[in-house]
Amino acid sequence: MPETEFFNSSLRAVAFRISAHYDRQNRHEIEEWKRIRWQTSILLNIQLAQKDRITPEKLLPLPGDEKKPAAAPKPTPHEYAKFLIDQYNR
């Protein structure tokens, strides 16, 4: 960002550009880590037996790899009716 553009911008616009820069930098670092763990898993798996092979995610878990917990199954109409009756009788 040139100096004149910096001084002519609002504080909000500058903060937005700074935030965007750090987000881009973090994504780039995560991609580098993914590449490194993939390469390492390839090198390890060459030397291991088929049954002992390891996935990149198990070798080096990253924060973005966390799986969201599965949603609870929706209740059947019978279960929902029972719940409503129980709530009403309280």
PDB file of N, CA and C in Angstrom:
ATOM      1  N   MET A   1       0.852  -1.161   0.000  1.00  0.00           N
ATOM      2  CA  MET A   1       0.000   0.000   0.000  1.00  0.00           C
ATOM      3  C   MET A   1       0.907   1.235   0.000  1.00  0.00           C
ATOM      4  N   PRO A   2       0.759   2.077  -1.004  1.00  0.00           N
ATOM      5  CA  PRO A   2       1.570   3.302  -1.040  1.00  0.00           C
ATOM      6  C   PRO A   2       1.222   4.224   0.145  1.00  0.00           C
ATOM      7  N   GLU A   3       2.150   5.087   0.474  1.00  0.00           N
ATOM      8  CA  GLU A   3       1.979   5.964   1.636  1.00  0.00           C
ATOM      9  C   GLU A   3       0.782   6.887   1.484  1.00  0.00           C
ATOM     10  N   THR A   4       0.566   7.430   0.301  1.00  0.00           N
ATOM     11  CA  THR A   4      -0.573   8.341   0.111  1.00  0.00           C
ATOM     12  C   THR A   4      -1.894   7.596   0.282  1.00  0.00           C
ATOM     13  N   GLU A   5      -1.964   6.361  -0.219  1.00  0.00           N
ATOM     14  CA  GLU A   5      -3.180   5.572  -0.056  1.00  0.00           C
ATOM     15  C   GLU A   5      -3.420   5.229   1.409  1.00  0.00           C
ATOM     16  N   PHE A   6      -2.323   4.971   2.137  1.00  0.00           N
ATOM     17  CA  PHE A   6      -2.433   4.668   3.563  1.00  0.00           C
ATOM     18  C   PHE A   6      -3.033   5.848   4.317  1.00  0.00           C
ATOM     19  N   PHE A   7      -2.517   7.047   4.082  1.00  0.00           N
ATOM     20  CA  PHE A   7      -2.999   8.218   4.815  1.00  0.00           C
ATOM     21  C   PHE A   7      -4.378   8.669   4.369  1.00  0.00           C
ATOM     22  N   ASN A   8      -4.787   8.323   3.155  1.00  0.00           N
ATOM     23  CA  ASN A   8      -6.120   8.692   2.670  1.00  0.00           C
ATOM     24  C   ASN A   8      -7.183   7.664   3.045  1.00  0.00           C
ATOM     25  N   SER A   9      -6.771   6.525   3.561  1.00  0.00           N
ATOM     26  CA  SER A   9      -7.712   5.464   3.927  1.00  0.00           C
ATOM     27  C   SER A   9      -8.221   5.664   5.346  1.00  0.00           C
ATOM     28  N   SER A  10      -9.395   5.099   5.586  1.00  0.00           N
ATOM     29  CA  SER A  10      -9.942   5.132   6.946  1.00  0.00           C
ATOM     30  C   SER A  10      -9.244   4.062   7.790  1.00  0.00           C
ATOM     31  N   LEU A  11      -9.383   4.180   9.090  1.00  0.00           N
ATOM     32  CA  LEU A  11      -8.788   3.206   9.995  1.00  0.00           C
ATOM     33  C   LEU A  11      -9.376   1.819   9.745  1.00  0.00           C
ATOM     34  N   ARG A  12     -10.661   1.777   9.437  1.00  0.00           N
ATOM     35  CA  ARG A  12     -11.330   0.507   9.164  1.00  0.00           C
ATOM     36  C   ARG A  12     -10.739  -0.177   7.932  1.00  0.00           C
ATOM     37  N   ALA A  13     -10.474   0.598   6.882  1.00  0.00           N
ATOM     38  CA  ALA A  13      -9.912   0.030   5.648  1.00  0.00           C
ATOM     39  C   ALA A  13      -8.503  -0.496   5.885  1.00  0.00           C
ATOM     40  N   VAL A  14      -7.715   0.223   6.662  1.00  0.00           N
ATOM     41  CA  VAL A  14      -6.352  -0.228   6.962  1.00  0.00           C
ATOM     42  C   VAL A  14      -6.404  -1.505   7.793  1.00  0.00           C
ATOM     43  N   ALA A  15      -7.282  -1.543   8.803  1.00  0.00           N
ATOM     44  CA  ALA A  15      -7.411  -2.734   9.644  1.00  0.00           C
ATOM     45  C   ALA A  15      -7.857  -3.930   8.814  1.00  0.00           C
ATOM     46  N   PHE A  16      -8.756  -3.695   7.867  1.00  0.00           N
ATOM     47  CA  PHE A  16      -9.224  -4.776   6.994  1.00  0.00           C
ATOM     48  C   PHE A  16      -8.077  -5.328   6.154  1.00  0.00           C
ATOM     49  N   ARG A  17      -7.236  -4.457   5.624  1.00  0.00           N
ATOM     50  CA  ARG A  17      -6.109  -4.916   4.802  1.00  0.00           C
ATOM     51  C   ARG A  17      -5.083  -5.666   5.637  1.00  0.00           C
ATOM     52  N   ILE A  18      -4.861  -5.212   6.865  1.00  0.00           N
ATOM     53  CA  ILE A  18      -3.932  -5.911   7.754  1.00  0.00           C
ATOM     54  C   ILE A  18      -4.470  -7.297   8.079  1.00  0.00           C
ATOM     55  N   SER A  19      -5.763  -7.381   8.382  1.00  0.00           N
ATOM     56  CA  SER A  19      -6.393  -8.659   8.693  1.00  0.00           C
ATOM     57  C   SER A  19      -6.315  -9.608   7.492  1.00  0.00           C
ATOM     58  N   ALA A  20      -6.571  -9.078   6.311  1.00  0.00           N
ATOM     59  CA  ALA A  20      -6.504  -9.903   5.100  1.00  0.00           C
ATOM     60  C   ALA A  20      -5.080 -10.415   4.870  1.00  0.00           C
ATOM     61  N   HIS A  21      -4.097  -9.589   5.165  1.00  0.00           N
ATOM     62  CA  HIS A  21      -2.699 -10.010   5.009  1.00  0.00           C
ATOM     63  C   HIS A  21      -2.387 -11.179   5.939  1.00  0.00           C
ATOM     64  N   TYR A  22      -2.781 -11.085   7.206  1.00  0.00           N
ATOM     65  CA  TYR A  22      -2.499 -12.158   8.160  1.00  0.00           C
ATOM     66  C   TYR A  22      -3.276 -13.429   7.824  1.00  0.00           C
ATOM     67  N   ASP A  23      -4.496 -13.300   7.338  1.00  0.00           N
ATOM     68  CA  ASP A  23      -5.258 -14.482   6.915  1.00  0.00           C
ATOM     69  C   ASP A  23      -4.568 -15.189   5.760  1.00  0.00           C
ATOM     70  N   ARG A  24      -4.093 -14.432   4.787  1.00  0.00           N
ATOM     71  CA  ARG A  24      -3.384 -15.002   3.640  1.00  0.00           C
ATOM     72  C   ARG A  24      -2.099 -15.685   4.096  1.00  0.00           C
ATOM     73  N   GLN A  25      -1.380 -15.052   5.023  1.00  0.00           N
ATOM     74  CA  GLN A  25      -0.142 -15.626   5.532  1.00  0.00           C
ATOM     75  C   GLN A  25      -0.413 -16.932   6.286  1.00  0.00           C
ATOM     76  N   ASN A  26      -1.471 -16.975   7.095  1.00  0.00           N
ATOM     77  CA  ASN A  26      -1.817 -18.192   7.834  1.00  0.00           C
ATOM     78  C   ASN A  26      -2.203 -19.327   6.895  1.00  0.00           C
ATOM     79  N   ARG A  27      -2.982 -19.036   5.860  1.00  0.00           N
ATOM     80  CA  ARG A  27      -3.357 -20.069   4.883  1.00  0.00           C
ATOM     81  C   ARG A  27      -2.118 -20.623   4.186  1.00  0.00           C
ATOM     82  N   HIS A  28      -1.187 -19.741   3.863  1.00  0.00           N
ATOM     83  CA  HIS A  28       0.046 -20.177   3.201  1.00  0.00           C
ATOM     84  C   HIS A  28       0.853 -21.094   4.119  1.00  0.00           C
ATOM     85  N   GLU A  29       0.949 -20.746   5.403  1.00  0.00           N
ATOM     86  CA  GLU A  29       1.695 -21.581   6.348  1.00  0.00           C
ATOM     87  C   GLU A  29       1.032 -22.948   6.528  1.00  0.00           C
ATOM     88  N   ILE A  30      -0.291 -22.980   6.590  1.00  0.00           N
ATOM     89  CA  ILE A  30      -1.001 -24.255   6.733  1.00  0.00           C
ATOM     90  C   ILE A  30      -0.761 -25.126   5.509  1.00  0.00           C
ATOM     91  N   GLU A  31      -0.783 -24.536   4.320  1.00  0.00           N
ATOM     92  CA  GLU A  31      -0.499 -25.303   3.102  1.00  0.00           C
ATOM     93  C   GLU A  31       0.915 -25.862   3.122  1.00  0.00           C
ATOM     94  N   GLU A  32       1.864 -25.093   3.638  1.00  0.00           N
ATOM     95  CA  GLU A  32       3.237 -25.593   3.749  1.00  0.00           C
ATOM     96  C   GLU A  32       3.300 -26.787   4.698  1.00  0.00           C
ATOM     97  N   TRP A  33       2.629 -26.692   5.843  1.00  0.00           N
ATOM     98  CA  TRP A  33       2.618 -27.801   6.793  1.00  0.00           C
ATOM     99  C   TRP A  33       1.961 -29.034   6.195  1.00  0.00           C
ATOM    100  N   LYS A  34       0.890 -28.852   5.436  1.00  0.00           N
ATOM    101  CA  LYS A  34       0.232 -29.995   4.787  1.00  0.00           C
ATOM    102  C   LYS A  34       1.172 -30.665   3.792  1.00  0.00           C
ATOM    103  N   ARG A  35       1.910 -29.851   3.046  1.00  0.00           N
ATOM    104  CA  ARG A  35       2.860 -30.392   2.081  1.00  0.00           C
ATOM    105  C   ARG A  35       3.975 -31.167   2.796  1.00  0.00           C
ATOM    106  N   ILE A  36       4.488 -30.612   3.879  1.00  0.00           N
ATOM    107  CA  ILE A  36       5.563 -31.267   4.632  1.00  0.00           C
ATOM    108  C   ILE A  36       5.092 -32.595   5.214  1.00  0.00           C
ATOM    109  N   ARG A  37       3.900 -32.617   5.798  1.00  0.00           N
ATOM    110  CA  ARG A  37       3.437 -33.873   6.398  1.00  0.00           C
ATOM    111  C   ARG A  37       3.131 -34.909   5.327  1.00  0.00           C
ATOM    112  N   TRP A  38       2.669 -34.481   4.151  1.00  0.00           N
ATOM    113  CA  TRP A  38       2.432 -35.417   3.061  1.00  0.00           C
ATOM    114  C   TRP A  38       3.755 -36.037   2.600  1.00  0.00           C
ATOM    115  N   GLN A  39       4.775 -35.191   2.411  1.00  0.00           N
ATOM    116  CA  GLN A  39       6.078 -35.695   1.982  1.00  0.00           C
ATOM    117  C   GLN A  39       6.666 -36.654   3.019  1.00  0.00           C
ATOM    118  N   THR A  40       6.536 -36.308   4.291  1.00  0.00           N
ATOM    119  CA  THR A  40       7.074 -37.154   5.350  1.00  0.00           C
ATOM    120  C   THR A  40       6.341 -38.488   5.403  1.00  0.00           C
ATOM    121  N   SER A  41       5.028 -38.456   5.229  1.00  0.00           N
ATOM    122  CA  SER A  41       4.277 -39.715   5.251  1.00  0.00           C
ATOM    123  C   SER A  41       4.669 -40.607   4.074  1.00  0.00           C
ATOM    124  N   ILE A  42       4.942 -40.015   2.925  1.00  0.00           N
ATOM    125  CA  ILE A  42       5.396 -40.795   1.772  1.00  0.00           C
ATOM    126  C   ILE A  42       6.730 -41.466   2.089  1.00  0.00           C
ATOM    127  N   LEU A  43       7.662 -40.707   2.667  1.00  0.00           N
ATOM    128  CA  LEU A  43       8.975 -41.269   2.996  1.00  0.00           C
ATOM    129  C   LEU A  43       8.877 -42.370   4.056  1.00  0.00           C
ATOM    130  N   LEU A  44       7.992 -42.194   5.022  1.00  0.00           N
ATOM    131  CA  LEU A  44       7.814 -43.226   6.040  1.00  0.00           C
ATOM    132  C   LEU A  44       7.138 -44.467   5.477  1.00  0.00           C
ATOM    133  N   ASN A  45       6.121 -44.272   4.657  1.00  0.00           N
ATOM    134  CA  ASN A  45       5.351 -45.400   4.143  1.00  0.00           C
ATOM    135  C   ASN A  45       6.144 -46.267   3.172  1.00  0.00           C
ATOM    136  N   ILE A  46       7.176 -45.710   2.565  1.00  0.00           N
ATOM    137  CA  ILE A  46       8.027 -46.507   1.679  1.00  0.00           C
ATOM    138  C   ILE A  46       8.701 -47.617   2.473  1.00  0.00           C
ATOM    139  N   GLN A  47       9.039 -47.308   3.724  1.00  0.00           N
ATOM    140  CA  GLN A  47       9.800 -48.252   4.538  1.00  0.00           C
ATOM    141  C   GLN A  47       8.913 -49.153   5.403  1.00  0.00           C
ATOM    142  N   LEU A  48       7.621 -48.901   5.434  1.00  0.00           N
ATOM    143  CA  LEU A  48       6.726 -49.674   6.294  1.00  0.00           C
ATOM    144  C   LEU A  48       5.967 -50.725   5.507  1.00  0.00           C
ATOM    145  N   ALA A  49       5.515 -51.743   6.212  1.00  0.00           N
ATOM    146  CA  ALA A  49       4.670 -52.759   5.592  1.00  0.00           C
ATOM    147  C   ALA A  49       3.292 -52.161   5.311  1.00  0.00           C
ATOM    148  N   GLN A  50       2.549 -52.811   4.430  1.00  0.00           N
ATOM    149  CA  GLN A  50       1.231 -52.315   4.020  1.00  0.00           C
ATOM    150  C   GLN A  50       0.308 -52.094   5.223  1.00  0.00           C
ATOM    151  N   LYS A  51       0.335 -53.011   6.183  1.00  0.00           N
ATOM    152  CA  LYS A  51      -0.577 -52.909   7.325  1.00  0.00           C
ATOM    153  C   LYS A  51      -0.160 -51.826   8.317  1.00  0.00           C
ATOM    154  N   ASP A  52       1.097 -51.377   8.275  1.00  0.00           N
ATOM    155  CA  ASP A  52       1.603 -50.390   9.225  1.00  0.00           C
ATOM    156  C   ASP A  52       1.632 -48.970   8.677  1.00  0.00           C
ATOM    157  N   ARG A  53       1.141 -48.766   7.485  1.00  0.00           N
ATOM    158  CA  ARG A  53       1.216 -47.442   6.867  1.00  0.00           C
ATOM    159  C   ARG A  53       0.418 -46.414   7.658  1.00  0.00           C
ATOM    160  N   ILE A  54       0.864 -45.177   7.561  1.00  0.00           N
ATOM    161  CA  ILE A  54       0.254 -44.095   8.326  1.00  0.00           C
ATOM    162  C   ILE A  54      -0.215 -43.004   7.367  1.00  0.00           C
ATOM    163  N   THR A  55      -1.331 -42.396   7.692  1.00  0.00           N
ATOM    164  CA  THR A  55      -1.852 -41.311   6.866  1.00  0.00           C
ATOM    165  C   THR A  55      -1.221 -40.000   7.311  1.00  0.00           C
ATOM    166  N   PRO A  56      -1.184 -39.007   6.438  1.00  0.00           N
ATOM    167  CA  PRO A  56      -0.617 -37.710   6.831  1.00  0.00           C
ATOM    168  C   PRO A  56      -1.360 -37.085   8.018  1.00  0.00           C
ATOM    169  N   GLU A  57      -2.674 -37.280   8.086  1.00  0.00           N
ATOM    170  CA  GLU A  57      -3.459 -36.700   9.175  1.00  0.00           C
ATOM    171  C   GLU A  57      -3.113 -37.327  10.521  1.00  0.00           C
ATOM    172  N   LYS A  58      -2.787 -38.621  10.522  1.00  0.00           N
ATOM    173  CA  LYS A  58      -2.398 -39.275  11.768  1.00  0.00           C
ATOM    174  C   LYS A  58      -0.961 -38.944  12.143  1.00  0.00           C
ATOM    175  N   LEU A  59      -0.127 -38.694  11.147  1.00  0.00           N
ATOM    176  CA  LEU A  59       1.272 -38.376  11.396  1.00  0.00           C
ATOM    177  C   LEU A  59       1.410 -37.020  12.087  1.00  0.00           C
ATOM    178  N   LEU A  60       0.723 -36.021  11.575  1.00  0.00           N
ATOM    179  CA  LEU A  60       0.814 -34.676  12.138  1.00  0.00           C
ATOM    180  C   LEU A  60      -0.554 -34.009  12.050  1.00  0.00           C
ATOM    181  N   PRO A  61      -1.363 -34.112  13.098  1.00  0.00           N
ATOM    182  CA  PRO A  61      -2.675 -33.457  13.073  1.00  0.00           C
ATOM    183  C   PRO A  61      -2.523 -31.934  13.081  1.00  0.00           C
ATOM    184  N   LEU A  62      -3.284 -31.272  12.249  1.00  0.00           N
ATOM    185  CA  LEU A  62      -3.291 -29.814  12.188  1.00  0.00           C
ATOM    186  C   LEU A  62      -4.645 -29.304  12.684  1.00  0.00           C
ATOM    187  N   PRO A  63      -4.710 -28.048  13.108  1.00  0.00           N
ATOM    188  CA  PRO A  63      -5.977 -27.524  13.623  1.00  0.00           C
ATOM    189  C   PRO A  63      -7.132 -27.604  12.625  1.00  0.00           C
ATOM    190  N   GLY A  64      -6.867 -27.481  11.349  1.00  0.00           N
ATOM    191  CA  GLY A  64      -7.921 -27.539  10.344  1.00  0.00           C
ATOM    192  C   GLY A  64      -8.442 -28.936  10.077  1.00  0.00           C
ATOM    193  N   ASP A  65      -7.769 -29.950  10.616  1.00  0.00           N
ATOM    194  CA  ASP A  65      -8.158 -31.339  10.374  1.00  0.00           C
ATOM    195  C   ASP A  65      -9.262 -31.816  11.302  1.00  0.00           C
ATOM    196  N   GLU A  66      -9.582 -31.056  12.329  1.00  0.00           N
ATOM    197  CA  GLU A  66     -10.570 -31.501  13.302  1.00  0.00           C
ATOM    198  C   GLU A  66     -11.918 -31.687  12.620  1.00  0.00           C
ATOM    199  N   LYS A  67     -12.477 -32.849  12.837  1.00  0.00           N
ATOM    200  CA  LYS A  67     -13.783 -33.126  12.259  1.00  0.00           C
ATOM    201  C   LYS A  67     -14.861 -32.615  13.197  1.00  0.00           C
ATOM    202  N   LYS A  68     -15.890 -32.085  12.601  1.00  0.00           N
ATOM    203  CA  LYS A  68     -17.016 -31.614  13.408  1.00  0.00           C
ATOM    204  C   LYS A  68     -17.779 -32.825  13.928  1.00  0.00           C
ATOM    205  N   PRO A  69     -18.246 -32.750  15.164  1.00  0.00           N
ATOM    206  CA  PRO A  69     -19.007 -33.890  15.684  1.00  0.00           C
ATOM    207  C   PRO A  69     -20.300 -34.072  14.889  1.00  0.00           C
ATOM    208  N   ALA A  70     -20.667 -35.320  14.728  1.00  0.00           N
ATOM    209  CA  ALA A  70     -21.884 -35.620  13.973  1.00  0.00           C
ATOM    210  C   ALA A  70     -23.098 -35.089  14.729  1.00  0.00           C
ATOM    211  N   ALA A  71     -24.024 -34.563  13.998  1.00  0.00           N
ATOM    212  CA  ALA A  71     -25.239 -34.039  14.610  1.00  0.00           C
ATOM    213  C   ALA A  71     -26.065 -35.193  15.170  1.00  0.00           C
ATOM    214  N   ALA A  72     -26.739 -34.919  16.256  1.00  0.00           N
ATOM    215  CA  ALA A  72     -27.581 -35.946  16.859  1.00  0.00           C
ATOM    216  C   ALA A  72     -28.725 -36.267  15.894  1.00  0.00           C
ATOM    217  N   PRO A  73     -29.104 -37.528  15.796  1.00  0.00           N
ATOM    218  CA  PRO A  73     -30.201 -37.875  14.888  1.00  0.00           C
ATOM    219  C   PRO A  73     -31.503 -37.238  15.348  1.00  0.00           C
ATOM    220  N   LYS A  74     -32.310 -36.865  14.389  1.00  0.00           N
ATOM    221  CA  LYS A  74     -33.596 -36.249  14.715  1.00  0.00           C
ATOM    222  C   LYS A  74     -34.516 -37.287  15.349  1.00  0.00           C
ATOM    223  N   PRO A  75     -35.296 -36.856  16.330  1.00  0.00           N
ATOM    224  CA  PRO A  75     -36.201 -37.813  16.966  1.00  0.00           C
ATOM    225  C   PRO A  75     -37.335 -38.211  16.015  1.00  0.00           C
ATOM    226  N   THR A  76     -37.801 -39.418  16.218  1.00  0.00           N
ATOM    227  CA  THR A  76     -38.947 -39.877  15.428  1.00  0.00           C
ATOM    228  C   THR A  76     -40.187 -39.145  15.918  1.00  0.00           C
ATOM    229  N   PRO A  77     -41.251 -39.131  15.132  1.00  0.00           N
ATOM    230  CA  PRO A  77     -42.474 -38.463  15.589  1.00  0.00           C
ATOM    231  C   PRO A  77     -42.982 -39.026  16.920  1.00  0.00           C
ATOM    232  N   HIS A  78     -42.840 -40.339  17.105  1.00  0.00           N
ATOM    233  CA  HIS A  78     -43.283 -40.952  18.358  1.00  0.00           C
ATOM    234  C   HIS A  78     -42.445 -40.436  19.536  1.00  0.00           C
ATOM    235  N   GLU A  79     -41.124 -40.358  19.365  1.00  0.00           N
ATOM    236  CA  GLU A  79     -40.247 -39.857  20.425  1.00  0.00           C
ATOM    237  C   GLU A  79     -40.536 -38.388  20.724  1.00  0.00           C
ATOM    238  N   TYR A  80     -40.805 -37.619  19.691  1.00  0.00           N
ATOM    239  CA  TYR A  80     -41.098 -36.195  19.877  1.00  0.00           C
ATOM    240  C   TYR A  80     -42.421 -36.008  20.613  1.00  0.00           C
ATOM    241  N   ALA A  81     -43.415 -36.804  20.272  1.00  0.00           N
ATOM    242  CA  ALA A  81     -44.708 -36.715  20.958  1.00  0.00           C
ATOM    243  C   ALA A  81     -44.545 -37.077  22.432  1.00  0.00           C
ATOM    244  N   LYS A  82     -43.765 -38.104  22.715  1.00  0.00           N
ATOM    245  CA  LYS A  82     -43.514 -38.496  24.108  1.00  0.00           C
ATOM    246  C   LYS A  82     -42.817 -37.375  24.860  1.00  0.00           C
ATOM    247  N   PHE A  83     -41.852 -36.727  24.218  1.00  0.00           N
ATOM    248  CA  PHE A  83     -41.152 -35.608  24.836  1.00  0.00           C
ATOM    249  C   PHE A  83     -42.123 -34.481  25.166  1.00  0.00           C
ATOM    250  N   LEU A  84     -43.003 -34.154  24.224  1.00  0.00           N
ATOM    251  CA  LEU A  84     -43.974 -33.085  24.461  1.00  0.00           C
ATOM    252  C   LEU A  84     -44.918 -33.422  25.607  1.00  0.00           C
ATOM    253  N   ILE A  85     -45.356 -34.660  25.657  1.00  0.00           N
ATOM    254  CA  ILE A  85     -46.254 -35.081  26.740  1.00  0.00           C
ATOM    255  C   ILE A  85     -45.540 -34.982  28.082  1.00  0.00           C
ATOM    256  N   ASP A  86     -44.286 -35.427  28.130  1.00  0.00           N
ATOM    257  CA  ASP A  86     -43.508 -35.322  29.357  1.00  0.00           C
ATOM    258  C   ASP A  86     -43.326 -33.868  29.794  1.00  0.00           C
ATOM    259  N   GLN A  87     -43.090 -32.997  28.850  1.00  0.00           N
ATOM    260  CA  GLN A  87     -42.921 -31.583  29.167  1.00  0.00           C
ATOM    261  C   GLN A  87     -44.238 -30.980  29.660  1.00  0.00           C
ATOM    262  N   TYR A  88     -45.325 -31.388  29.063  1.00  0.00           N
ATOM    263  CA  TYR A  88     -46.631 -30.864  29.446  1.00  0.00           C
ATOM    264  C   TYR A  88     -47.006 -31.325  30.851  1.00  0.00           C
ATOM    265  N   ASN A  89     -46.669 -32.534  31.208  1.00  0.00           N
ATOM    266  CA  ASN A  89     -47.046 -33.105  32.505  1.00  0.00           C
ATOM    267  C   ASN A  89     -46.176 -32.572  33.642  1.00  0.00           C
ATOM    268  N   ARG A  90     -45.167 -31.860  33.384  1.00  0.00           N
ATOM    269  CA  ARG A  90     -44.310 -31.330  34.458  1.00  0.00           C
ATOM    270  C   ARG A  90     -44.985 -30.251  35.228  1.00  0.00           C
TER     271      ARG A  90
END
